[in-house]
Each structure stands twice: as C-alpha cells, then as structure tokens.
Amino acid sequence: MTTSPQTSAPAEAPSRSRIAVASLVGTAIEFYDFYIYGTAAALVLNTAFFPGMDPVAGSLAAFSTFAVAFVSRPLGSAVFGHWGDRIGRKSMLVVSLLVMGLSTVLIGLLPGYAAIGVAAPVLLVLLRFTQGIGLGGEWGGAALLATEHAPPGKRGLYAMFPQLGPSVGFIGANGLFLVLGETLSDAQFDSWGWRLPFVASLLLVIVGLYVRLKISETPVFQQAMDQRRIARVPFAGLMRHQWRRVLLGAGAMTIAYTLFYTATTYCLAYGTDTLEISRTTMLALTMIGVLFMAAGTVASSMVSDRLGRRRTLITGTVVAIAWGLVMFPLMETRSVFLVGLALAGALGLMGLVFGPMGAYLPELFRTEYRYSGASVAYSLGGVLGGAVPPLVATSMQASGLGVMAVGGYVSAMAVLSLLCLLALPETGRQDLVHQ
C-alpha cells in the first residue's frame, strides 16, 4: 500500500563533486568512528574496562563489545530504512550522522572501570549499541545518494565515493593512533591518549553536517514521491516481496567484512601480542594495506560499469578464497615485508569486492524499499562478516587450532559469498526509476 506525500518543487541538480563529497564525507566520518573503536578494542579497552582478566579473556571481552554494534546495525538499518523510504534519503543521513558521532564522543569521555566499576563496561556496551544503530542507517543513505543521482551507465563510478569512505576513515583513525603512539608514552596512551580520537570525532561531525544539509533529495526518490509510489511500511513490503534478495545480498557482503576485520582488528592484536611486532609497525603496515583497499575500490567500481557488477564481484570473491589460505602462512614468517603483503593482499581484495557493492545492493531493490533493502542486507552481512571473525579467530587461537584455521574460516566465508552471488542477477543495466 502506498501513500501520497506532498510533492515539492524540483531542486537544482547538484554537481558531481557535491554528490561525491556528501556521500564520501559521511561514510568517512562514520567509519572513522567505527574504526577507532576497533583499534582501541585491540590495543587498550581490555585493560581499561575489563581489568583482572587474563590477556585472551580480556581481548574476547573487548571484541565482544566491538561486536555489539554489528548486532545493532540491522536494527538501525530497519529504522532508518523505514523513514528513508518514507520521507527521504537526505534527512535520515543527517540523523544517522548525529547518532553515530555523539555516541563516539561519549565513549571517549566515559570513565573506566577503575573510576566507576561495573557501570563502565555496561555504559560502554550501551554506547556501542547506539553507535551501531547510527552506522546501520548511514551506509544505505550514502549509497542511495550516489546511485540515485548518477546518470545512466555511471552508477558504479558515482557509488565509488561512499565506498571510499572506509579507506579515508580508516587512514584518519589509524593515522591518529599512530601519531599518538609515537608521541605519548605507553602509560599516557593507556591512561588518556586513546580517548583523543573519540573526542575529535565531534569536529568531523560538524563538517559532515554542513555538507549533508546542503545536498538535495535524490531525483529517483523525488519522482517516486511525485508518482505516489511511497510504501506505508517499507520493511513489510520488503519482506513480502524481496526477502530473498535481502538474504542473498547479505551473504554476498560477508566476505568484504570478513577480509577487512580479520586483516585489521584481529591481525592487529595477533601481530602485536603473539608475533611481537611493535604496535607502531602493525599500524603502519595496516595503513599501507588500506591504500591497496582504496585502489581496489576505485578499480572495481569503475570496471563494474563496463563488465557488470556480478562478474566483477565473482572474480574478486574467487581470488579471496585462495588468499584466505595464503594470508596466515605469510603472517607466521614474522617478516615485516611478508606480514605487510598478507595485509595488503587481504585489504586489496576487500576493496575489489566492496567497491561494486555501493551500486549493486541498491540496484537489487525497488525504489519503494531500496533504503531498507540495501541497508538491511549490508548490515546483516556485517553481523556474520564483521562481528564474528575477531571472536572466532581469537577463540581458535585460544583453543589451540591455530591461525591456519582462521585462514580456512576466511576462505569458507568467501565460498558463502560466491554461492550467494551466483544466485543473484546482474543489475548494472537496469533502470532505477521504473524498477
């Protein structure tokens, strides 16, 4: 069933640069917020909020709070997707940015266990939960902002910009941690230095809001409003008509998350704690790897406009199956060069399978359900591919299975994504307006 919201006068079409900045800046800020938590979880949160545990148990507790945001992301996707499909993409992008950004700042100001006892980890989990809700609404809106403004034949190119947000956000987050690690003593970093990137997020949110408020509503959604094609309950319609694509899209996304969070969050902890590589070296190697991720994102996004989304994604996923078996033998050499190669290969492949998803997931769904469908599929993929790998990898290490089993897990997730992609159609040539 549809409603007939009041139409508005058409706005002047924004330039490509404005669309690029508006879609990139939000995801960069959101992922900056998300990644500083992942880095802090690997480096310091176990001692700040879970003292008294042995190192492995403390890491599991810290990574569990990291996973909370992935669990809340589908809820955020459903909520923001509902209103994004009801009243528009732009307004939800503003709200999601505020929810995520303010939660991040409050985490940076939260007293540790030594100051307020058990209330510290409880509040940490609550703030992490709201952080995930904000991110659950962010990506879908940014991807739709790009794809629904894109001219025919260039949706992959336009959708490249929100997909570059993770690379930009990660470099900003890890770069700041790298500077702090070089300028502060270990005691200063563990006491208060790790909080600075969280508080600095406030400045980034202000910049993001300024850009987002100046962008217009997407022409595809505006036309749907003019034609009175707005669903009363988008999520219900999505589950009734396109639930299969939600699940398959989530499965297709899984390998991108698995590669990224295994190569960053888990390998950062493994490299520093087990391989005894310095924290500064591991952060630097990871940042180099993220440059490969950015390059892979740009290349695959542009290629997908010519070869098709599905073919490009299948190629990257097949290579990821093999790389899962190669990655940890390289890590185990303890050679800085080979450890860097392991990370660069995993993150470069992540870019290859992540880039086209900015256009592919929105293209899978009808306009009436597009925000909900793309966001929920993306977030559900994050539960399996983002929340689970650090926990599974740490548990495998603790149980004696070893890191080679972790590589097998990465390959298994790639097989899952491949099977889902094989069950999905090609979408690159379809018309979003009349879908």
Protein backbone atom coordinates (compact mmCIF):
# COMPACT_ATOMS: atom_id res chain seq x y z
CA MET A 1 0.00 0.00 0.00
CA THR A 2 1.28 3.49 -0.79
CA THR A 3 0.71 6.99 0.48
CA SER A 4 0.75 10.30 -1.34
CA PRO A 5 3.07 12.69 0.44
CA GLN A 6 3.06 16.28 -0.63
CA THR A 7 5.43 16.88 -3.51
CA SER A 8 7.97 19.62 -3.56
CA ALA A 9 9.36 21.77 -6.30
CA PRO A 10 12.27 20.20 -8.07
CA ALA A 11 15.60 21.35 -6.76
CA GLU A 12 18.59 22.29 -8.86
CA ALA A 13 20.60 19.18 -9.69
CA PRO A 14 23.76 19.08 -7.59
CA SER A 15 27.13 18.79 -9.26
CA ARG A 16 29.06 15.53 -9.32
CA SER A 17 31.61 17.00 -6.91
CA ARG A 18 28.92 17.92 -4.39
CA ILE A 19 27.39 14.45 -4.57
CA ALA A 20 30.85 12.92 -4.21
CA VAL A 21 31.71 14.98 -1.15
CA ALA A 22 28.32 14.50 0.51
CA SER A 23 28.35 10.73 0.04
CA LEU A 24 32.04 10.34 0.90
CA VAL A 25 32.28 12.60 3.93
CA GLY A 26 29.53 10.85 5.87
CA THR A 27 30.82 7.32 5.38
CA ALA A 28 34.37 8.51 6.06
CA ILE A 29 33.28 10.04 9.37
CA GLU A 30 31.08 7.10 10.29
CA PHE A 31 33.79 4.57 9.55
CA TYR A 32 36.39 6.70 11.30
CA ASP A 33 34.18 6.45 14.39
CA PHE A 34 33.78 2.72 13.94
CA TYR A 35 37.45 2.01 13.32
CA ILE A 36 38.82 3.95 16.25
CA TYR A 37 36.71 1.68 18.42
CA GLY A 38 38.08 -1.40 16.67
CA THR A 39 41.64 -0.17 17.13
CA ALA A 40 41.03 0.72 20.78
CA ALA A 41 39.45 -2.70 21.34
CA ALA A 42 42.58 -4.36 20.01
CA LEU A 43 45.00 -2.17 21.96
CA VAL A 44 43.61 -0.86 25.24
CA LEU A 45 39.92 -1.45 26.05
CA ASN A 46 40.60 -4.86 27.59
CA THR A 47 42.63 -3.26 30.39
CA ALA A 48 40.60 -0.04 30.69
CA PHE A 49 37.19 -1.70 31.03
CA PHE A 50 37.90 -5.37 31.80
CA PRO A 51 40.82 -5.42 34.29
CA GLY A 52 41.67 -8.59 36.18
CA MET A 53 41.16 -10.89 33.18
CA ASP A 54 43.96 -12.79 31.51
CA PRO A 55 45.01 -11.32 28.12
CA VAL A 56 42.95 -13.71 25.97
CA ALA A 57 39.79 -13.32 28.09
CA GLY A 58 40.23 -9.54 28.14
CA SER A 59 40.59 -9.46 24.37
CA LEU A 60 37.47 -11.60 23.96
CA ALA A 61 35.54 -9.21 26.24
CA ALA A 62 36.76 -6.16 24.32
CA PHE A 63 35.97 -7.75 20.94
CA SER A 64 32.53 -8.69 22.27
CA THR A 65 31.75 -5.02 22.85
CA PHE A 66 33.06 -4.42 19.33
CA ALA A 67 30.54 -6.99 18.06
CA VAL A 68 27.61 -5.31 19.82
CA ALA A 69 27.48 -2.55 17.20
CA PHE A 70 27.21 -5.10 14.41
CA VAL A 71 24.24 -6.68 16.17
CA SER A 72 22.50 -3.29 16.47
CA ARG A 73 23.26 -2.29 12.88
CA PRO A 74 20.37 -4.29 11.35
CA LEU A 75 18.01 -2.56 13.80
CA GLY A 76 19.39 0.82 12.74
CA SER A 77 19.04 -0.22 9.11
CA ALA A 78 15.38 -1.14 9.61
CA VAL A 79 14.57 2.08 11.46
CA PHE A 80 16.48 4.46 9.19
CA GLY A 81 15.48 2.47 6.12
CA HIS A 82 11.79 2.80 7.03
CA TRP A 83 11.94 6.58 7.31
CA GLY A 84 14.40 6.92 4.44
CA ASP A 85 11.89 5.16 2.19
CA ARG A 86 9.02 7.19 3.67
CA ILE A 87 10.23 10.77 3.91
CA GLY A 88 13.52 10.84 2.01
CA ARG A 89 17.20 9.99 1.94
CA LYS A 90 18.62 13.36 2.97
CA SER A 91 17.00 13.76 6.39
CA MET A 92 17.99 10.28 7.51
CA LEU A 93 21.59 10.89 6.52
CA VAL A 94 21.69 13.86 8.88
CA VAL A 95 20.15 11.96 11.80
CA SER A 96 22.37 8.89 11.37
CA LEU A 97 25.46 11.07 11.43
CA LEU A 98 24.40 12.67 14.71
CA VAL A 99 23.57 9.35 16.40
CA MET A 100 26.87 7.76 15.47
CA GLY A 101 29.03 10.82 16.11
CA LEU A 102 27.64 11.72 19.53
CA SER A 103 27.86 8.10 20.70
CA THR A 104 31.52 8.08 19.71
CA VAL A 105 32.31 11.30 21.61
CA LEU A 106 30.62 9.94 24.74
CA ILE A 107 32.73 6.75 24.56
CA GLY A 108 35.81 8.93 24.63
CA LEU A 109 34.53 10.70 27.76
CA LEU A 110 33.39 7.54 29.56
CA PRO A 111 35.27 6.81 32.84
CA GLY A 112 36.98 3.44 33.04
CA TYR A 113 36.45 0.51 35.39
CA ALA A 114 38.84 1.96 37.97
CA ALA A 115 36.64 5.06 38.33
CA ILE A 116 33.04 3.76 38.25
CA GLY A 117 33.34 -0.02 38.46
CA VAL A 118 30.97 -2.30 36.62
CA ALA A 119 28.96 0.67 35.31
CA ALA A 120 31.87 1.40 32.93
CA PRO A 121 31.55 -1.73 30.74
CA VAL A 122 27.73 -1.54 30.92
CA LEU A 123 27.70 2.03 29.61
CA LEU A 124 30.33 1.11 27.05
CA VAL A 125 28.05 -1.59 25.65
CA LEU A 126 25.08 0.81 25.54
CA LEU A 127 27.04 3.48 23.69
CA ARG A 128 28.43 0.87 21.33
CA PHE A 129 24.87 -0.27 20.65
CA THR A 130 23.72 3.23 19.68
CA GLN A 131 26.88 3.70 17.62
CA GLY A 132 25.88 0.66 15.58
CA ILE A 133 22.35 1.96 15.10
CA GLY A 134 23.74 5.14 13.58
CA LEU A 135 26.03 3.27 11.21
CA GLY A 136 23.15 1.00 10.25
CA GLY A 137 21.38 3.98 8.71
CA GLU A 138 24.44 5.72 7.30
CA TRP A 139 25.73 3.49 4.54
CA GLY A 140 22.41 2.84 2.81
CA GLY A 141 21.58 6.53 2.64
CA ALA A 142 25.02 7.47 1.33
CA ALA A 143 24.93 4.72 -1.32
CA LEU A 144 21.46 5.79 -2.47
CA LEU A 145 22.50 9.43 -2.51
CA ALA A 146 25.19 8.49 -5.04
CA THR A 147 23.39 5.87 -7.14
CA GLU A 148 20.07 7.70 -7.37
CA HIS A 149 21.81 10.87 -8.56
CA ALA A 150 24.02 9.04 -11.07
CA PRO A 151 23.44 9.30 -14.84
CA PRO A 152 22.89 6.08 -16.84
CA GLY A 153 25.97 3.93 -17.16
CA LYS A 154 27.84 5.67 -14.33
CA ARG A 155 26.27 4.30 -11.17
CA GLY A 156 29.38 2.30 -10.33
CA LEU A 157 31.51 5.43 -10.70
CA TYR A 158 29.23 7.55 -8.51
CA ALA A 159 28.79 4.79 -5.92
CA MET A 160 32.57 4.57 -5.66
CA PHE A 161 32.59 7.67 -3.42
CA PRO A 162 30.72 6.29 -0.39
CA GLN A 163 32.72 3.08 -0.82
CA LEU A 164 35.92 5.08 -0.40
CA GLY A 165 34.68 6.30 2.98
CA PRO A 166 36.07 3.26 4.83
CA SER A 167 39.54 3.81 3.37
CA VAL A 168 39.56 7.51 4.23
CA GLY A 169 38.09 6.91 7.69
CA PHE A 170 40.50 4.12 8.46
CA ILE A 171 43.56 6.11 7.42
CA GLY A 172 42.36 9.01 9.57
CA ALA A 173 41.67 6.76 12.56
CA ASN A 174 44.83 4.68 12.41
CA GLY A 175 46.93 7.68 11.44
CA LEU A 176 45.85 9.46 14.60
CA PHE A 177 46.54 6.37 16.71
CA LEU A 178 49.94 6.08 15.03
CA VAL A 179 50.80 9.69 15.89
CA LEU A 180 49.65 9.21 19.48
CA GLY A 181 51.68 6.02 19.77
CA GLU A 182 54.79 7.89 18.64
CA THR A 183 54.31 10.99 20.80
CA LEU A 184 52.92 9.52 24.03
CA SER A 185 54.39 7.02 26.43
CA ASP A 186 52.58 3.69 26.87
CA ALA A 187 51.30 4.87 30.25
CA GLN A 188 49.93 8.12 28.79
CA PHE A 189 48.32 6.31 25.87
CA ASP A 190 46.67 3.71 28.10
CA SER A 191 45.51 6.35 30.59
CA TRP A 192 44.03 9.07 28.36
CA GLY A 193 45.66 9.16 24.92
CA TRP A 194 43.35 6.56 23.40
CA ARG A 195 40.38 8.84 24.19
CA LEU A 196 41.51 11.71 21.96
CA PRO A 197 40.41 10.18 18.61
CA PHE A 198 36.92 9.61 20.04
CA VAL A 199 36.53 13.21 21.23
CA ALA A 200 37.99 14.57 17.98
CA SER A 201 35.05 12.98 16.17
CA LEU A 202 32.91 15.95 17.21
CA LEU A 203 34.75 18.25 14.82
CA LEU A 204 34.30 15.78 11.98
CA VAL A 205 30.57 15.52 12.65
CA ILE A 206 30.19 19.29 12.39
CA VAL A 207 31.88 19.26 8.99
CA GLY A 208 29.74 16.35 7.82
CA LEU A 209 26.50 18.02 8.87
CA TYR A 210 27.42 21.18 7.00
CA VAL A 211 27.92 19.25 3.75
CA ARG A 212 24.89 16.99 4.17
CA LEU A 213 22.44 19.83 4.84
CA LYS A 214 23.32 21.45 1.52
CA ILE A 215 22.55 18.45 -0.70
CA SER A 216 19.17 17.98 -2.39
CA GLU A 217 16.88 14.94 -2.29
CA THR A 218 17.66 12.30 -4.92
CA PRO A 219 15.72 12.62 -8.21
CA VAL A 220 14.73 8.94 -8.17
CA PHE A 221 13.07 9.24 -4.76
CA GLN A 222 11.54 12.60 -5.67
CA GLN A 223 9.96 11.04 -8.74
CA ALA A 224 8.60 8.19 -6.63
CA MET A 225 7.01 10.79 -4.34
CA ASP A 226 5.54 12.65 -7.30
CA GLN A 227 4.08 9.39 -8.62
CA ARG A 228 2.78 8.44 -5.16
CA ARG A 229 4.87 5.28 -5.02
CA ILE A 230 5.81 5.54 -1.33
CA ALA A 231 5.13 2.44 0.78
CA ARG A 232 3.37 2.90 4.13
CA VAL A 233 5.51 0.23 5.79
CA PRO A 234 8.56 -0.27 3.55
CA PHE A 235 10.11 -3.03 5.64
CA ALA A 236 6.90 -5.09 5.50
CA GLY A 237 6.80 -4.73 1.72
CA LEU A 238 10.46 -5.63 1.50
CA MET A 239 9.97 -8.83 3.49
CA ARG A 240 6.90 -9.72 1.47
CA HIS A 241 8.33 -9.18 -2.00
CA GLN A 242 12.15 -9.15 -1.88
CA TRP A 243 13.22 -11.03 1.27
CA ARG A 244 15.28 -13.49 -0.75
CA ARG A 245 17.42 -10.69 -2.16
CA VAL A 246 17.97 -9.33 1.34
CA LEU A 247 19.44 -12.63 2.49
CA LEU A 248 21.48 -13.23 -0.65
CA GLY A 249 22.75 -9.66 -0.63
CA ALA A 250 23.81 -10.07 2.99
CA GLY A 251 25.65 -13.28 2.14
CA ALA A 252 27.37 -11.60 -0.79
CA MET A 253 28.61 -8.81 1.51
CA THR A 254 30.03 -11.22 4.09
CA ILE A 255 33.46 -11.72 2.53
CA ALA A 256 34.15 -7.97 2.33
CA TYR A 257 33.60 -7.61 6.07
CA THR A 258 35.48 -10.83 6.86
CA LEU A 259 38.56 -9.74 4.94
CA PHE A 260 38.60 -6.30 6.46
CA TYR A 261 38.06 -7.09 10.11
CA THR A 262 40.30 -10.14 10.05
CA ALA A 263 43.13 -8.12 8.46
CA THR A 264 42.71 -5.14 10.77
CA THR A 265 41.09 -5.82 14.13
CA TYR A 266 42.25 -9.42 14.65
CA CYS A 267 45.62 -9.21 12.91
CA LEU A 268 46.48 -6.02 14.78
CA ALA A 269 46.02 -7.81 18.10
CA TYR A 270 47.67 -11.01 16.83
CA GLY A 271 50.63 -9.19 15.34
CA THR A 272 51.36 -7.19 18.50
CA ASP A 273 50.55 -9.81 21.16
CA THR A 274 51.66 -13.09 19.56
CA LEU A 275 54.09 -12.20 16.79
CA GLU A 276 55.60 -9.46 18.99
CA ILE A 277 55.70 -6.92 16.18
CA SER A 278 55.57 -3.37 17.57
CA ARG A 279 52.24 -1.61 17.66
CA THR A 280 53.61 1.25 15.54
CA THR A 281 54.82 -1.17 12.85
CA MET A 282 51.50 -3.03 12.72
CA LEU A 283 49.52 0.22 12.46
CA ALA A 284 51.80 1.44 9.68
CA LEU A 285 51.51 -1.85 7.75
CA THR A 286 47.75 -1.78 8.09
CA MET A 287 47.59 1.77 6.77
CA ILE A 288 49.66 0.76 3.74
CA GLY A 289 47.26 -2.13 3.21
CA VAL A 290 44.31 0.27 3.28
CA LEU A 291 45.88 2.19 0.38
CA PHE A 292 45.60 -1.05 -1.59
CA MET A 293 41.99 -1.30 -0.43
CA ALA A 294 41.28 2.19 -1.77
CA ALA A 295 42.91 1.32 -5.09
CA GLY A 296 40.87 -1.88 -5.33
CA THR A 297 37.68 0.04 -4.55
CA VAL A 298 38.28 2.58 -7.30
CA ALA A 299 39.27 0.00 -9.89
CA SER A 300 36.41 -2.44 -9.28
CA SER A 301 33.78 0.30 -9.05
CA MET A 302 34.73 1.70 -12.44
CA VAL A 303 35.20 -1.71 -14.06
CA SER A 304 31.74 -2.78 -12.85
CA ASP A 305 30.14 -0.15 -15.12
CA ARG A 306 31.71 -1.92 -18.11
CA LEU A 307 31.82 -5.60 -17.16
CA GLY A 308 28.84 -5.71 -14.80
CA ARG A 309 28.58 -5.78 -11.02
CA ARG A 310 28.08 -9.52 -10.65
CA ARG A 311 31.01 -10.57 -12.83
CA THR A 312 33.37 -8.15 -11.07
CA LEU A 313 32.26 -9.34 -7.64
CA ILE A 314 32.55 -13.02 -8.52
CA THR A 315 36.12 -12.53 -9.75
CA GLY A 316 37.22 -10.83 -6.53
CA THR A 317 35.48 -13.42 -4.37
CA VAL A 318 37.14 -16.38 -6.13
CA VAL A 319 40.57 -14.84 -5.52
CA ALA A 320 39.62 -14.26 -1.86
CA ILE A 321 39.00 -17.99 -1.43
CA ALA A 322 42.63 -18.66 -2.32
CA TRP A 323 44.02 -15.73 -0.34
CA GLY A 324 42.44 -16.96 2.89
CA LEU A 325 44.75 -19.97 2.68
CA VAL A 326 47.83 -17.86 1.95
CA MET A 327 47.38 -15.00 4.38
CA PHE A 328 48.40 -16.55 7.68
CA PRO A 329 51.38 -18.55 6.42
CA LEU A 330 52.70 -15.14 5.36
CA MET A 331 51.90 -13.68 8.77
CA GLU A 332 53.67 -16.53 10.56
CA THR A 333 57.00 -15.69 8.93
CA ARG A 334 57.18 -12.59 11.20
CA SER A 335 58.86 -10.82 8.30
CA VAL A 336 57.68 -7.23 8.22
CA PHE A 337 57.57 -7.32 4.41
CA LEU A 338 55.57 -10.56 4.23
CA VAL A 339 53.21 -9.52 7.03
CA GLY A 340 52.62 -6.31 5.08
CA LEU A 341 51.99 -8.38 1.94
CA ALA A 342 49.44 -10.52 3.78
CA LEU A 343 47.57 -7.43 4.95
CA ALA A 344 47.82 -5.61 1.61
CA GLY A 345 46.51 -8.65 -0.26
CA ALA A 346 43.54 -9.11 2.06
CA LEU A 347 42.64 -5.41 2.08
CA GLY A 348 43.17 -5.02 -1.66
CA LEU A 349 40.74 -7.90 -2.22
CA MET A 350 38.35 -6.32 0.24
CA GLY A 351 38.35 -3.21 -1.98
CA LEU A 352 37.70 -5.32 -5.08
CA VAL A 353 34.59 -6.91 -3.59
CA PHE A 354 33.48 -3.81 -1.68
CA GLY A 355 33.59 -1.21 -4.45
CA PRO A 356 30.79 -2.52 -6.70
CA MET A 357 28.54 -3.17 -3.69
CA GLY A 358 27.80 0.57 -3.46
CA ALA A 359 25.78 0.26 -6.65
CA TYR A 360 24.90 -3.45 -6.59
CA LEU A 361 22.94 -3.61 -3.34
CA PRO A 362 20.76 -0.55 -4.13
CA GLU A 363 20.13 -1.91 -7.64
CA LEU A 364 18.76 -5.16 -6.21
CA PHE A 365 15.72 -3.44 -4.69
CA ARG A 366 12.69 -1.48 -5.82
CA THR A 367 12.59 2.25 -5.13
CA GLU A 368 9.85 1.83 -2.50
CA TYR A 369 12.07 -0.47 -0.42
CA ARG A 370 15.56 0.49 -1.61
CA TYR A 371 16.84 2.25 1.51
CA SER A 372 15.52 -0.56 3.72
CA GLY A 373 16.66 -3.38 1.45
CA ALA A 374 20.19 -2.13 0.77
CA SER A 375 20.77 -1.12 4.40
CA VAL A 376 19.47 -4.33 5.97
CA ALA A 377 21.39 -6.56 3.53
CA TYR A 378 24.56 -4.58 4.16
CA SER A 379 24.17 -4.70 7.93
CA LEU A 380 23.24 -8.38 8.12
CA GLY A 381 26.38 -9.13 6.13
CA GLY A 382 28.25 -7.22 8.82
CA VAL A 383 26.93 -9.42 11.62
CA LEU A 384 28.45 -12.54 10.06
CA GLY A 385 31.43 -10.96 8.36
CA GLY A 386 32.34 -8.17 10.78
CA ALA A 387 31.28 -9.14 14.29
CA VAL A 388 32.15 -12.82 14.10
CA PRO A 389 35.72 -13.02 12.66
CA PRO A 390 37.59 -11.35 15.57
CA LEU A 391 35.70 -13.54 18.04
CA VAL A 392 36.14 -16.73 16.02
CA ALA A 393 39.80 -16.03 15.34
CA THR A 394 40.61 -15.26 18.98
CA SER A 395 38.72 -18.37 20.11
CA MET A 396 40.53 -20.54 17.57
CA GLN A 397 43.85 -19.20 18.81
CA ALA A 398 42.91 -19.84 22.45
CA SER A 399 41.66 -23.39 21.74
CA GLY A 400 44.88 -24.43 20.04
CA LEU A 401 43.53 -24.69 16.50
CA GLY A 402 46.00 -22.04 15.39
CA VAL A 403 45.84 -19.23 12.91
CA MET A 404 45.81 -21.54 9.88
CA ALA A 405 42.25 -22.39 10.90
CA VAL A 406 41.48 -18.68 10.83
CA GLY A 407 42.60 -18.58 7.21
CA GLY A 408 40.31 -21.51 6.46
CA TYR A 409 37.46 -19.59 8.04
CA VAL A 410 38.16 -16.62 5.74
CA SER A 411 38.06 -18.93 2.71
CA ALA A 412 34.80 -20.50 3.91
CA MET A 413 33.17 -17.08 4.13
CA ALA A 414 34.36 -16.35 0.60
CA VAL A 415 32.69 -19.56 -0.60
CA LEU A 416 29.46 -18.48 1.09
CA SER A 417 29.58 -15.11 -0.67
CA LEU A 418 30.33 -16.77 -4.01
CA LEU A 419 27.28 -19.03 -3.72
CA CYS A 420 25.07 -16.04 -2.94
CA LEU A 421 26.43 -14.05 -5.89
CA LEU A 422 25.78 -16.98 -8.23
CA ALA A 423 22.12 -16.93 -7.10
CA LEU A 424 21.72 -13.18 -7.74
CA PRO A 425 21.12 -11.44 -11.10
CA GLU A 426 23.17 -8.83 -12.94
CA THR A 427 21.79 -5.33 -12.28
CA GLY A 428 24.12 -2.85 -13.94
CA ARG A 429 21.91 -2.04 -16.93
CA GLN A 430 18.53 -1.75 -15.22
CA ASP A 431 16.57 1.48 -14.78
CA LEU A 432 16.31 2.51 -11.13
CA VAL A 433 13.41 4.89 -11.73
CA HIS A 434 10.98 2.29 -13.05
CA GLN A 435 12.21 -0.69 -11.06
